[in-house]
């Protein structure tokens, strides 16, 4: 799951492989950056001490893998919204959503079951991701800032901080996700090769 690669200058997105990389990198960045920054903010002056503790580092690892499918779902929905055409007929829309769902799940499947989660939990997260992706053609396109709303609570619950300490911070976490979703949307629009967009999901991502 890459994180800091997202800061490098990236080429235009012209094929399924490039789209898969975009989804992977931005899903990882969205969830990991929030986990790290929130944990440091909550720990304050003790952040270095906290991050040096093996137990906390393990908790962070579990948190970021638990949140990663949420990032894939959010970035996948943002991508679908950009690729959607107003003149889509139901058959064409269903085909696009199906192809995008397959691509997003192929990104998920790059990674083995993370330590600390277990196969049942990991496969359950995959099932939830597939279910969400499959519904995208059934509702109107959302604004990027509204995409995180259904995922904000699950993301907040994944934070590696005691519940009593993080209780008042849900609005801040939600705002972070909304702003980041807008940035992901703008980056995708900027990098998308519009000439290649109609065929973007027709090529294999591997």
N, C-alpha and C. Protein backbone atom coordinates (compact mmCIF):
# COMPACT_ATOMS: atom_id res chain seq x y z
N UNK A 1 0.85 -1.19 0.00
CA UNK A 1 0.00 0.00 0.00
C UNK A 1 0.88 1.24 0.00
N UNK A 2 1.04 1.94 -1.12
CA UNK A 2 1.93 3.09 -1.18
C UNK A 2 1.33 4.29 -0.46
N UNK A 3 2.21 5.20 -0.04
CA UNK A 3 1.75 6.42 0.60
C UNK A 3 2.44 7.62 0.01
N UNK A 4 3.74 7.77 0.23
CA UNK A 4 4.43 8.99 -0.14
C UNK A 4 4.68 9.10 -1.64
N UNK A 5 4.51 8.00 -2.41
CA UNK A 5 4.63 8.08 -3.85
C UNK A 5 3.66 9.08 -4.46
N UNK A 6 2.58 9.36 -3.74
CA UNK A 6 1.56 10.24 -4.27
C UNK A 6 2.08 11.66 -4.47
N UNK A 7 3.19 12.03 -3.80
CA UNK A 7 3.73 13.37 -3.92
C UNK A 7 4.55 13.56 -5.20
N UNK A 8 4.95 12.47 -5.85
CA UNK A 8 5.77 12.58 -7.03
C UNK A 8 4.93 13.05 -8.22
N UNK A 9 5.60 13.69 -9.18
CA UNK A 9 4.91 14.12 -10.38
C UNK A 9 4.44 12.88 -11.14
N UNK A 10 3.18 12.86 -11.51
CA UNK A 10 2.61 11.67 -12.11
C UNK A 10 2.22 11.91 -13.56
N UNK A 11 2.34 10.88 -14.40
CA UNK A 11 1.99 11.01 -15.81
C UNK A 11 0.48 11.02 -16.00
N UNK A 12 0.03 11.39 -17.19
CA UNK A 12 -1.41 11.33 -17.48
C UNK A 12 -1.93 9.90 -17.34
N UNK A 13 -3.20 9.79 -16.99
CA UNK A 13 -3.85 8.48 -16.87
C UNK A 13 -4.48 8.15 -18.21
N UNK A 14 -3.94 7.12 -18.87
CA UNK A 14 -4.37 6.79 -20.23
C UNK A 14 -4.88 5.36 -20.37
N UNK A 15 -4.69 4.54 -19.34
CA UNK A 15 -5.10 3.14 -19.46
C UNK A 15 -5.50 2.61 -18.10
N UNK A 16 -5.95 1.35 -18.10
CA UNK A 16 -6.45 0.75 -16.86
C UNK A 16 -5.34 0.60 -15.83
N UNK A 17 -4.12 0.32 -16.30
CA UNK A 17 -3.00 0.19 -15.36
C UNK A 17 -2.75 1.51 -14.63
N UNK A 18 -2.74 2.60 -15.37
CA UNK A 18 -2.55 3.90 -14.74
C UNK A 18 -3.68 4.26 -13.80
N UNK A 19 -4.90 3.88 -14.17
CA UNK A 19 -6.05 4.15 -13.30
C UNK A 19 -5.94 3.34 -12.02
N UNK A 20 -5.53 2.08 -12.12
CA UNK A 20 -5.38 1.25 -10.92
C UNK A 20 -4.34 1.83 -9.98
N UNK A 21 -3.23 2.32 -10.54
CA UNK A 21 -2.20 2.94 -9.70
C UNK A 21 -2.73 4.19 -9.02
N UNK A 22 -3.48 4.99 -9.75
CA UNK A 22 -4.06 6.20 -9.16
C UNK A 22 -4.97 5.84 -7.99
N UNK A 23 -5.84 4.87 -8.18
CA UNK A 23 -6.77 4.47 -7.13
C UNK A 23 -6.02 3.95 -5.91
N UNK A 24 -5.04 3.09 -6.14
CA UNK A 24 -4.26 2.51 -5.04
C UNK A 24 -3.55 3.60 -4.24
N UNK A 25 -2.81 4.45 -4.93
CA UNK A 25 -2.01 5.47 -4.26
C UNK A 25 -2.87 6.45 -3.48
N UNK A 26 -3.96 6.89 -4.08
CA UNK A 26 -4.78 7.90 -3.42
C UNK A 26 -5.64 7.33 -2.31
N UNK A 27 -6.08 6.08 -2.44
CA UNK A 27 -6.80 5.44 -1.34
C UNK A 27 -5.88 5.29 -0.14
N UNK A 28 -4.64 4.86 -0.38
CA UNK A 28 -3.68 4.71 0.71
C UNK A 28 -3.37 6.06 1.35
N UNK A 29 -3.13 7.05 0.52
CA UNK A 29 -2.80 8.38 1.04
C UNK A 29 -3.94 8.94 1.88
N UNK A 30 -5.16 8.83 1.37
CA UNK A 30 -6.31 9.40 2.07
C UNK A 30 -6.44 8.84 3.48
N UNK A 31 -6.38 7.51 3.62
CA UNK A 31 -6.63 6.92 4.94
C UNK A 31 -5.41 7.00 5.84
N UNK A 32 -4.21 6.79 5.28
CA UNK A 32 -3.02 6.77 6.13
C UNK A 32 -2.67 8.16 6.66
N UNK A 33 -2.74 9.15 5.82
CA UNK A 33 -2.41 10.51 6.26
C UNK A 33 -3.31 10.93 7.42
N UNK A 34 -4.59 10.62 7.32
CA UNK A 34 -5.51 10.98 8.40
C UNK A 34 -5.19 10.24 9.69
N UNK A 35 -4.86 8.96 9.58
CA UNK A 35 -4.53 8.17 10.77
C UNK A 35 -3.28 8.71 11.44
N UNK A 36 -2.22 8.95 10.67
CA UNK A 36 -0.97 9.42 11.24
C UNK A 36 -1.12 10.82 11.85
N UNK A 37 -1.74 11.72 11.10
CA UNK A 37 -1.86 13.10 11.59
C UNK A 37 -2.77 13.18 12.81
N UNK A 38 -3.86 12.43 12.79
CA UNK A 38 -4.76 12.47 13.94
C UNK A 38 -4.09 11.88 15.18
N UNK A 39 -3.38 10.78 15.01
CA UNK A 39 -2.70 10.15 16.14
C UNK A 39 -1.65 11.08 16.73
N UNK A 40 -0.88 11.75 15.86
CA UNK A 40 0.13 12.69 16.35
C UNK A 40 -0.51 13.87 17.07
N UNK A 41 -1.61 14.37 16.51
CA UNK A 41 -2.29 15.50 17.14
C UNK A 41 -2.84 15.11 18.51
N UNK A 42 -3.39 13.92 18.61
CA UNK A 42 -3.96 13.48 19.88
C UNK A 42 -2.86 13.22 20.92
N UNK A 43 -1.71 12.74 20.47
CA UNK A 43 -0.61 12.44 21.39
C UNK A 43 0.14 13.69 21.81
N UNK A 44 0.09 14.75 21.00
CA UNK A 44 0.76 16.00 21.34
C UNK A 44 2.26 15.83 21.49
N UNK A 45 2.80 16.33 22.59
CA UNK A 45 4.25 16.27 22.84
C UNK A 45 4.75 14.83 23.01
N UNK A 46 3.84 13.90 23.23
CA UNK A 46 4.23 12.52 23.46
C UNK A 46 4.16 11.67 22.18
N UNK A 47 3.99 12.32 21.03
CA UNK A 47 3.82 11.59 19.78
C UNK A 47 5.00 10.68 19.48
N UNK A 48 6.23 11.18 19.64
CA UNK A 48 7.40 10.36 19.34
C UNK A 48 7.45 9.14 20.26
N UNK A 49 7.12 9.35 21.52
CA UNK A 49 7.11 8.24 22.47
C UNK A 49 6.05 7.22 22.08
N UNK A 50 4.86 7.73 21.71
CA UNK A 50 3.76 6.84 21.37
C UNK A 50 4.09 6.01 20.13
N UNK A 51 4.62 6.66 19.10
CA UNK A 51 4.92 5.94 17.86
C UNK A 51 6.11 5.00 18.01
N UNK A 52 6.86 5.15 19.08
CA UNK A 52 7.98 4.23 19.33
C UNK A 52 7.53 2.95 20.03
N UNK A 53 6.31 2.94 20.53
CA UNK A 53 5.79 1.78 21.24
C UNK A 53 5.35 0.70 20.25
N UNK A 54 5.88 -0.52 20.37
CA UNK A 54 5.50 -1.59 19.44
C UNK A 54 4.00 -1.84 19.39
N UNK A 55 3.35 -1.76 20.56
CA UNK A 55 1.92 -2.02 20.59
C UNK A 55 1.15 -0.98 19.79
N UNK A 56 1.60 0.28 19.87
CA UNK A 56 0.89 1.32 19.12
C UNK A 56 1.17 1.20 17.63
N UNK A 57 2.40 0.89 17.26
CA UNK A 57 2.71 0.70 15.84
C UNK A 57 1.87 -0.43 15.25
N UNK A 58 1.67 -1.48 16.04
CA UNK A 58 0.82 -2.58 15.59
C UNK A 58 -0.63 -2.11 15.42
N UNK A 59 -1.08 -1.28 16.35
CA UNK A 59 -2.45 -0.75 16.26
C UNK A 59 -2.61 0.13 15.03
N UNK A 60 -1.59 0.91 14.71
CA UNK A 60 -1.62 1.75 13.51
C UNK A 60 -1.70 0.90 12.25
N UNK A 61 -0.92 -0.18 12.23
CA UNK A 61 -0.94 -1.08 11.07
C UNK A 61 -2.34 -1.67 10.87
N UNK A 62 -2.94 -2.11 11.95
CA UNK A 62 -4.29 -2.67 11.86
C UNK A 62 -5.27 -1.60 11.38
N UNK A 63 -5.13 -0.39 11.92
CA UNK A 63 -6.03 0.69 11.55
C UNK A 63 -5.93 1.04 10.07
N UNK A 64 -4.71 1.12 9.56
CA UNK A 64 -4.57 1.56 8.17
C UNK A 64 -5.06 0.49 7.19
N UNK A 65 -4.87 -0.80 7.54
CA UNK A 65 -5.39 -1.84 6.65
C UNK A 65 -6.90 -1.96 6.76
N UNK A 66 -7.44 -1.73 7.95
CA UNK A 66 -8.89 -1.76 8.09
C UNK A 66 -9.53 -0.60 7.32
N UNK A 67 -8.83 0.51 7.27
CA UNK A 67 -9.38 1.69 6.59
C UNK A 67 -9.12 1.69 5.09
N UNK A 68 -8.13 0.92 4.64
CA UNK A 68 -7.76 0.94 3.22
C UNK A 68 -8.93 0.63 2.28
N UNK A 69 -9.75 -0.39 2.54
CA UNK A 69 -10.90 -0.62 1.65
C UNK A 69 -11.88 0.55 1.63
N UNK A 70 -11.97 1.30 2.72
CA UNK A 70 -12.81 2.49 2.72
C UNK A 70 -12.24 3.52 1.75
N UNK A 71 -10.91 3.65 1.75
CA UNK A 71 -10.27 4.56 0.81
C UNK A 71 -10.51 4.13 -0.62
N UNK A 72 -10.42 2.83 -0.89
CA UNK A 72 -10.69 2.33 -2.24
C UNK A 72 -12.13 2.64 -2.66
N UNK A 73 -13.07 2.47 -1.75
CA UNK A 73 -14.47 2.76 -2.06
C UNK A 73 -14.67 4.24 -2.37
N UNK A 74 -14.05 5.10 -1.57
CA UNK A 74 -14.22 6.53 -1.80
C UNK A 74 -13.57 6.99 -3.10
N UNK A 75 -12.34 6.58 -3.33
CA UNK A 75 -11.66 6.98 -4.56
C UNK A 75 -12.34 6.36 -5.77
N UNK A 76 -12.78 5.10 -5.64
CA UNK A 76 -13.50 4.46 -6.73
C UNK A 76 -14.76 5.21 -7.10
N UNK A 77 -15.49 5.69 -6.10
CA UNK A 77 -16.71 6.44 -6.39
C UNK A 77 -16.40 7.79 -7.02
N UNK A 78 -15.34 8.44 -6.58
CA UNK A 78 -14.93 9.70 -7.20
C UNK A 78 -14.59 9.49 -8.67
N UNK A 79 -13.84 8.43 -8.95
CA UNK A 79 -13.47 8.11 -10.33
C UNK A 79 -14.72 7.85 -11.17
N UNK A 80 -15.65 7.07 -10.64
CA UNK A 80 -16.87 6.77 -11.38
C UNK A 80 -17.64 8.04 -11.70
N UNK A 81 -17.67 8.96 -10.76
CA UNK A 81 -18.39 10.20 -11.00
C UNK A 81 -17.78 11.03 -12.11
N UNK A 82 -16.46 11.02 -12.21
CA UNK A 82 -15.79 11.77 -13.28
C UNK A 82 -16.00 11.09 -14.63
N UNK A 83 -15.95 9.77 -14.65
CA UNK A 83 -16.09 9.04 -15.92
C UNK A 83 -17.54 8.96 -16.40
N UNK A 84 -18.49 9.17 -15.51
CA UNK A 84 -19.90 9.05 -15.89
C UNK A 84 -20.28 10.11 -16.91
N UNK A 85 -21.04 9.71 -17.89
CA UNK A 85 -21.55 10.63 -18.91
C UNK A 85 -23.04 10.84 -18.73
N UNK A 86 -23.48 12.07 -18.96
CA UNK A 86 -24.90 12.37 -18.78
C UNK A 86 -25.78 11.63 -19.77
N UNK A 87 -25.20 11.22 -20.92
CA UNK A 87 -26.00 10.52 -21.92
C UNK A 87 -25.86 9.01 -21.82
N UNK A 88 -25.30 8.52 -20.72
CA UNK A 88 -25.18 7.07 -20.52
C UNK A 88 -26.55 6.40 -20.54
N UNK A 89 -26.66 5.29 -21.25
CA UNK A 89 -27.87 4.48 -21.11
C UNK A 89 -27.60 3.43 -20.02
N UNK A 90 -28.65 2.80 -19.51
CA UNK A 90 -28.46 1.86 -18.39
C UNK A 90 -27.48 0.73 -18.68
N UNK A 91 -27.48 0.22 -19.89
CA UNK A 91 -26.58 -0.88 -20.23
C UNK A 91 -25.13 -0.42 -20.19
N UNK A 92 -24.87 0.73 -20.78
CA UNK A 92 -23.49 1.24 -20.81
C UNK A 92 -23.02 1.61 -19.40
N UNK A 93 -23.91 2.19 -18.62
CA UNK A 93 -23.54 2.55 -17.25
C UNK A 93 -23.24 1.31 -16.42
N UNK A 94 -24.06 0.29 -16.55
CA UNK A 94 -23.83 -0.95 -15.80
C UNK A 94 -22.51 -1.59 -16.20
N UNK A 95 -22.19 -1.55 -17.49
CA UNK A 95 -20.93 -2.13 -17.95
C UNK A 95 -19.74 -1.37 -17.38
N UNK A 96 -19.84 -0.04 -17.34
CA UNK A 96 -18.74 0.76 -16.80
C UNK A 96 -18.57 0.51 -15.31
N UNK A 97 -19.66 0.49 -14.57
CA UNK A 97 -19.59 0.24 -13.14
C UNK A 97 -19.02 -1.15 -12.87
N UNK A 98 -19.43 -2.14 -13.66
CA UNK A 98 -18.91 -3.48 -13.48
C UNK A 98 -17.42 -3.56 -13.73
N UNK A 99 -16.96 -2.89 -14.80
CA UNK A 99 -15.54 -2.90 -15.11
C UNK A 99 -14.73 -2.17 -14.05
N UNK A 100 -15.26 -1.05 -13.56
CA UNK A 100 -14.56 -0.30 -12.52
C UNK A 100 -14.53 -1.10 -11.21
N UNK A 101 -15.62 -1.78 -10.90
CA UNK A 101 -15.66 -2.63 -9.71
C UNK A 101 -14.59 -3.71 -9.78
N UNK A 102 -14.48 -4.35 -10.94
CA UNK A 102 -13.45 -5.38 -11.12
C UNK A 102 -12.05 -4.81 -10.94
N UNK A 103 -11.84 -3.61 -11.46
CA UNK A 103 -10.52 -2.99 -11.34
C UNK A 103 -10.20 -2.65 -9.89
N UNK A 104 -11.16 -2.06 -9.17
CA UNK A 104 -10.94 -1.70 -7.77
C UNK A 104 -10.68 -2.96 -6.94
N UNK A 105 -11.42 -4.02 -7.20
CA UNK A 105 -11.19 -5.27 -6.46
C UNK A 105 -9.84 -5.88 -6.81
N UNK A 106 -9.38 -5.70 -8.04
CA UNK A 106 -8.05 -6.20 -8.40
C UNK A 106 -6.96 -5.46 -7.63
N UNK A 107 -7.20 -4.18 -7.33
CA UNK A 107 -6.26 -3.42 -6.51
C UNK A 107 -6.27 -3.97 -5.08
N UNK A 108 -7.44 -4.20 -4.54
CA UNK A 108 -7.55 -4.80 -3.21
C UNK A 108 -6.80 -6.13 -3.16
N UNK A 109 -6.95 -6.92 -4.20
CA UNK A 109 -6.40 -8.28 -4.21
C UNK A 109 -4.88 -8.30 -4.40
N UNK A 110 -4.27 -7.16 -4.59
CA UNK A 110 -2.81 -7.10 -4.65
C UNK A 110 -2.19 -7.46 -3.30
N UNK A 111 -2.95 -7.30 -2.25
CA UNK A 111 -2.39 -7.41 -0.91
C UNK A 111 -2.89 -8.65 -0.19
N UNK A 112 -2.01 -9.36 0.48
CA UNK A 112 -2.42 -10.53 1.25
C UNK A 112 -3.17 -10.10 2.51
N UNK A 113 -3.71 -11.07 3.21
CA UNK A 113 -4.41 -10.78 4.46
C UNK A 113 -3.43 -10.11 5.43
N UNK A 114 -3.74 -8.91 5.91
CA UNK A 114 -2.82 -8.22 6.82
C UNK A 114 -2.73 -8.89 8.18
N UNK A 115 -1.55 -8.94 8.77
CA UNK A 115 -1.42 -9.46 10.13
C UNK A 115 -2.29 -8.65 11.09
N UNK A 116 -2.96 -9.34 11.97
CA UNK A 116 -3.79 -8.65 12.95
C UNK A 116 -5.25 -8.54 12.57
N UNK A 117 -5.59 -8.79 11.30
CA UNK A 117 -6.99 -8.71 10.89
C UNK A 117 -7.63 -10.08 10.78
N UNK A 118 -6.95 -11.01 10.15
CA UNK A 118 -7.52 -12.33 9.95
C UNK A 118 -8.25 -12.42 8.63
N UNK A 119 -8.30 -13.62 8.08
CA UNK A 119 -8.87 -13.83 6.75
C UNK A 119 -10.36 -13.48 6.71
N UNK A 120 -11.11 -13.83 7.72
CA UNK A 120 -12.55 -13.55 7.71
C UNK A 120 -12.82 -12.06 7.67
N UNK A 121 -12.12 -11.29 8.49
CA UNK A 121 -12.32 -9.84 8.50
C UNK A 121 -11.91 -9.22 7.17
N UNK A 122 -10.77 -9.66 6.62
CA UNK A 122 -10.27 -9.12 5.37
C UNK A 122 -11.24 -9.41 4.22
N UNK A 123 -11.73 -10.63 4.15
CA UNK A 123 -12.68 -10.99 3.10
C UNK A 123 -14.01 -10.27 3.31
N UNK A 124 -14.37 -10.03 4.56
CA UNK A 124 -15.58 -9.26 4.81
C UNK A 124 -15.47 -7.83 4.31
N UNK A 125 -14.29 -7.23 4.49
CA UNK A 125 -14.07 -5.89 3.99
C UNK A 125 -14.12 -5.87 2.45
N UNK A 126 -13.61 -6.92 1.83
CA UNK A 126 -13.70 -7.01 0.37
C UNK A 126 -15.14 -7.11 -0.09
N UNK A 127 -15.93 -7.89 0.62
CA UNK A 127 -17.35 -8.03 0.27
C UNK A 127 -18.07 -6.69 0.38
N UNK A 128 -17.79 -5.94 1.44
CA UNK A 128 -18.40 -4.62 1.61
C UNK A 128 -17.99 -3.68 0.48
N UNK A 129 -16.71 -3.75 0.09
CA UNK A 129 -16.21 -2.91 -0.99
C UNK A 129 -16.91 -3.25 -2.30
N UNK A 130 -17.02 -4.53 -2.61
CA UNK A 130 -17.69 -4.95 -3.84
C UNK A 130 -19.16 -4.52 -3.85
N UNK A 131 -19.81 -4.64 -2.70
CA UNK A 131 -21.22 -4.26 -2.61
C UNK A 131 -21.39 -2.76 -2.89
N UNK A 132 -20.52 -1.94 -2.28
CA UNK A 132 -20.64 -0.50 -2.50
C UNK A 132 -20.38 -0.14 -3.96
N UNK A 133 -19.31 -0.68 -4.53
CA UNK A 133 -18.98 -0.36 -5.91
C UNK A 133 -20.12 -0.75 -6.85
N UNK A 134 -20.77 -1.86 -6.56
CA UNK A 134 -21.84 -2.33 -7.43
C UNK A 134 -23.08 -1.46 -7.43
N UNK A 135 -23.22 -0.58 -6.43
CA UNK A 135 -24.41 0.28 -6.35
C UNK A 135 -24.21 1.64 -7.03
N UNK A 136 -23.02 1.92 -7.55
CA UNK A 136 -22.72 3.28 -8.00
C UNK A 136 -23.60 3.75 -9.15
N UNK A 137 -24.00 2.84 -10.01
CA UNK A 137 -24.83 3.27 -11.13
C UNK A 137 -26.28 3.49 -10.78
N UNK A 138 -26.66 3.21 -9.54
CA UNK A 138 -28.06 3.26 -9.14
C UNK A 138 -28.48 4.60 -8.55
N UNK A 139 -27.54 5.50 -8.35
CA UNK A 139 -27.90 6.80 -7.77
C UNK A 139 -27.19 7.92 -8.53
N UNK A 140 -27.65 9.13 -8.28
CA UNK A 140 -27.07 10.28 -8.98
C UNK A 140 -25.62 10.48 -8.58
N UNK A 141 -24.86 11.08 -9.47
CA UNK A 141 -23.47 11.41 -9.18
C UNK A 141 -23.39 12.34 -7.98
N UNK A 142 -22.50 12.02 -7.05
CA UNK A 142 -22.30 12.87 -5.87
C UNK A 142 -21.19 13.88 -6.12
N UNK A 143 -21.26 15.00 -5.42
CA UNK A 143 -20.11 15.88 -5.37
C UNK A 143 -19.00 15.17 -4.60
N UNK A 144 -17.76 15.42 -4.99
CA UNK A 144 -16.63 14.74 -4.34
C UNK A 144 -16.66 14.93 -2.83
N UNK A 145 -17.02 16.12 -2.38
CA UNK A 145 -17.01 16.39 -0.95
C UNK A 145 -18.05 15.58 -0.18
N UNK A 146 -19.06 15.07 -0.89
CA UNK A 146 -20.11 14.29 -0.23
C UNK A 146 -19.84 12.79 -0.25
N UNK A 147 -18.87 12.36 -1.05
CA UNK A 147 -18.58 10.93 -1.17
C UNK A 147 -18.20 10.29 0.16
N UNK A 148 -17.38 10.94 1.03
CA UNK A 148 -16.95 10.28 2.27
C UNK A 148 -18.03 10.09 3.32
N UNK A 149 -19.17 10.76 3.19
CA UNK A 149 -20.15 10.78 4.28
C UNK A 149 -20.54 9.39 4.77
N UNK A 150 -20.83 8.41 3.89
CA UNK A 150 -21.21 7.08 4.41
C UNK A 150 -20.07 6.30 5.06
N UNK A 151 -18.83 6.75 4.84
CA UNK A 151 -17.67 6.02 5.32
C UNK A 151 -17.00 6.66 6.54
N UNK A 152 -17.43 7.87 6.87
CA UNK A 152 -16.73 8.64 7.89
C UNK A 152 -16.75 7.95 9.26
N UNK A 153 -17.88 7.38 9.63
CA UNK A 153 -17.97 6.76 10.95
C UNK A 153 -17.07 5.52 11.03
N UNK A 154 -17.09 4.69 9.99
CA UNK A 154 -16.23 3.50 10.00
C UNK A 154 -14.76 3.90 10.02
N UNK A 155 -14.41 4.95 9.31
CA UNK A 155 -13.03 5.43 9.31
C UNK A 155 -12.65 5.95 10.70
N UNK A 156 -13.52 6.71 11.30
CA UNK A 156 -13.28 7.25 12.63
C UNK A 156 -13.14 6.11 13.65
N UNK A 157 -13.97 5.10 13.52
CA UNK A 157 -13.92 3.97 14.46
C UNK A 157 -12.63 3.17 14.33
N UNK A 158 -11.97 3.28 13.18
CA UNK A 158 -10.73 2.53 12.96
C UNK A 158 -9.52 3.21 13.58
N UNK A 159 -9.66 4.44 14.05
CA UNK A 159 -8.51 5.17 14.58
C UNK A 159 -7.89 4.44 15.77
N UNK A 160 -6.55 4.38 15.84
CA UNK A 160 -5.87 3.64 16.92
C UNK A 160 -5.73 4.46 18.20
N UNK A 161 -6.80 5.12 18.59
CA UNK A 161 -6.84 5.95 19.80
C UNK A 161 -8.02 5.50 20.63
N UNK A 162 -7.85 5.47 21.94
CA UNK A 162 -8.95 5.05 22.81
C UNK A 162 -10.21 5.86 22.51
N UNK A 163 -11.34 5.19 22.52
CA UNK A 163 -12.60 5.81 22.13
C UNK A 163 -12.92 7.05 22.96
N UNK A 164 -12.65 7.00 24.27
CA UNK A 164 -12.96 8.15 25.13
C UNK A 164 -12.15 9.38 24.74
N UNK A 165 -10.93 9.17 24.26
CA UNK A 165 -10.07 10.29 23.89
C UNK A 165 -10.46 10.91 22.55
N UNK A 166 -11.03 10.11 21.64
CA UNK A 166 -11.34 10.63 20.31
C UNK A 166 -12.81 11.00 20.14
N UNK A 167 -13.59 10.84 21.19
CA UNK A 167 -15.03 11.03 21.08
C UNK A 167 -15.45 12.37 20.45
N UNK A 168 -14.83 13.53 20.80
CA UNK A 168 -15.34 14.79 20.25
C UNK A 168 -14.78 15.14 18.87
N UNK A 169 -14.01 14.27 18.26
CA UNK A 169 -13.26 14.65 17.07
C UNK A 169 -13.87 14.19 15.75
N UNK A 170 -15.05 13.60 15.79
CA UNK A 170 -15.65 13.10 14.56
C UNK A 170 -15.84 14.19 13.50
N UNK A 171 -16.32 15.39 13.84
CA UNK A 171 -16.47 16.43 12.81
C UNK A 171 -15.15 16.79 12.13
N UNK A 172 -14.06 16.81 12.88
CA UNK A 172 -12.76 17.14 12.29
C UNK A 172 -12.31 16.07 11.31
N UNK A 173 -12.50 14.81 11.68
CA UNK A 173 -12.13 13.71 10.80
C UNK A 173 -12.99 13.75 9.53
N UNK A 174 -14.27 14.02 9.68
CA UNK A 174 -15.16 14.11 8.52
C UNK A 174 -14.72 15.23 7.59
N UNK A 175 -14.37 16.37 8.16
CA UNK A 175 -13.92 17.50 7.34
C UNK A 175 -12.64 17.15 6.59
N UNK A 176 -11.73 16.44 7.27
CA UNK A 176 -10.50 16.01 6.61
C UNK A 176 -10.82 15.15 5.39
N UNK A 177 -11.72 14.19 5.54
CA UNK A 177 -12.07 13.32 4.43
C UNK A 177 -12.71 14.10 3.29
N UNK A 178 -13.54 15.05 3.61
CA UNK A 178 -14.22 15.84 2.57
C UNK A 178 -13.22 16.67 1.77
N UNK A 179 -12.30 17.30 2.46
CA UNK A 179 -11.28 18.11 1.77
C UNK A 179 -10.38 17.22 0.91
N UNK A 180 -9.97 16.09 1.46
CA UNK A 180 -9.09 15.19 0.72
C UNK A 180 -9.81 14.62 -0.49
N UNK A 181 -11.08 14.30 -0.37
CA UNK A 181 -11.85 13.80 -1.51
C UNK A 181 -11.89 14.82 -2.64
N UNK A 182 -12.04 16.09 -2.29
CA UNK A 182 -12.02 17.15 -3.31
C UNK A 182 -10.66 17.22 -4.00
N UNK A 183 -9.60 17.07 -3.23
CA UNK A 183 -8.26 17.09 -3.81
C UNK A 183 -8.03 15.90 -4.74
N UNK A 184 -8.52 14.73 -4.35
CA UNK A 184 -8.41 13.54 -5.20
C UNK A 184 -9.17 13.76 -6.50
N UNK A 185 -10.36 14.30 -6.40
CA UNK A 185 -11.16 14.60 -7.59
C UNK A 185 -10.42 15.53 -8.53
N UNK A 186 -9.87 16.61 -7.99
CA UNK A 186 -9.18 17.58 -8.83
C UNK A 186 -7.94 16.98 -9.48
N UNK A 187 -7.22 16.13 -8.74
CA UNK A 187 -6.03 15.48 -9.28
C UNK A 187 -6.41 14.51 -10.41
N UNK A 188 -7.50 13.79 -10.23
CA UNK A 188 -7.92 12.86 -11.26
C UNK A 188 -8.33 13.61 -12.53
N UNK A 189 -9.08 14.66 -12.38
CA UNK A 189 -9.49 15.46 -13.53
C UNK A 189 -8.27 16.04 -14.25
N UNK A 190 -7.31 16.48 -13.48
CA UNK A 190 -6.09 17.07 -14.04
C UNK A 190 -5.28 16.04 -14.82
N UNK A 191 -5.19 14.83 -14.32
CA UNK A 191 -4.32 13.82 -14.93
C UNK A 191 -5.02 12.96 -15.98
N UNK A 192 -6.33 12.94 -16.00
CA UNK A 192 -7.05 12.09 -16.92
C UNK A 192 -6.86 12.54 -18.35
N UNK A 193 -6.44 11.64 -19.20
CA UNK A 193 -6.38 11.88 -20.64
C UNK A 193 -7.79 11.70 -21.18
N UNK A 194 -8.46 12.81 -21.44
CA UNK A 194 -9.87 12.74 -21.83
C UNK A 194 -10.08 11.98 -23.13
N UNK A 195 -9.08 12.01 -23.99
CA UNK A 195 -9.21 11.27 -25.24
C UNK A 195 -9.24 9.77 -25.03
N UNK A 196 -8.58 9.31 -23.97
CA UNK A 196 -8.54 7.88 -23.67
C UNK A 196 -9.66 7.44 -22.74
N UNK A 197 -10.40 8.39 -22.18
CA UNK A 197 -11.42 8.06 -21.17
C UNK A 197 -12.44 7.02 -21.63
N UNK A 198 -12.95 7.08 -22.87
CA UNK A 198 -13.95 6.07 -23.25
C UNK A 198 -13.44 4.64 -23.21
N UNK A 199 -12.14 4.45 -23.39
CA UNK A 199 -11.56 3.10 -23.42
C UNK A 199 -10.80 2.76 -22.15
N UNK A 200 -10.90 3.60 -21.14
CA UNK A 200 -10.04 3.47 -19.97
C UNK A 200 -10.22 2.14 -19.24
N UNK A 201 -11.43 1.61 -19.26
CA UNK A 201 -11.71 0.39 -18.51
C UNK A 201 -11.81 -0.84 -19.42
N UNK A 202 -11.37 -0.71 -20.65
CA UNK A 202 -11.44 -1.82 -21.57
C UNK A 202 -10.15 -2.63 -21.63
N UNK A 203 -9.10 -2.10 -21.02
CA UNK A 203 -7.81 -2.78 -21.05
C UNK A 203 -7.55 -3.43 -19.70
N UNK A 204 -6.79 -4.50 -19.67
CA UNK A 204 -6.49 -5.14 -18.38
C UNK A 204 -5.64 -4.25 -17.50
N UNK A 205 -5.89 -4.29 -16.18
CA UNK A 205 -5.14 -3.46 -15.24
C UNK A 205 -3.80 -4.08 -14.89
N UNK A 206 -3.64 -5.37 -15.09
CA UNK A 206 -2.40 -6.06 -14.71
C UNK A 206 -1.27 -5.77 -15.67
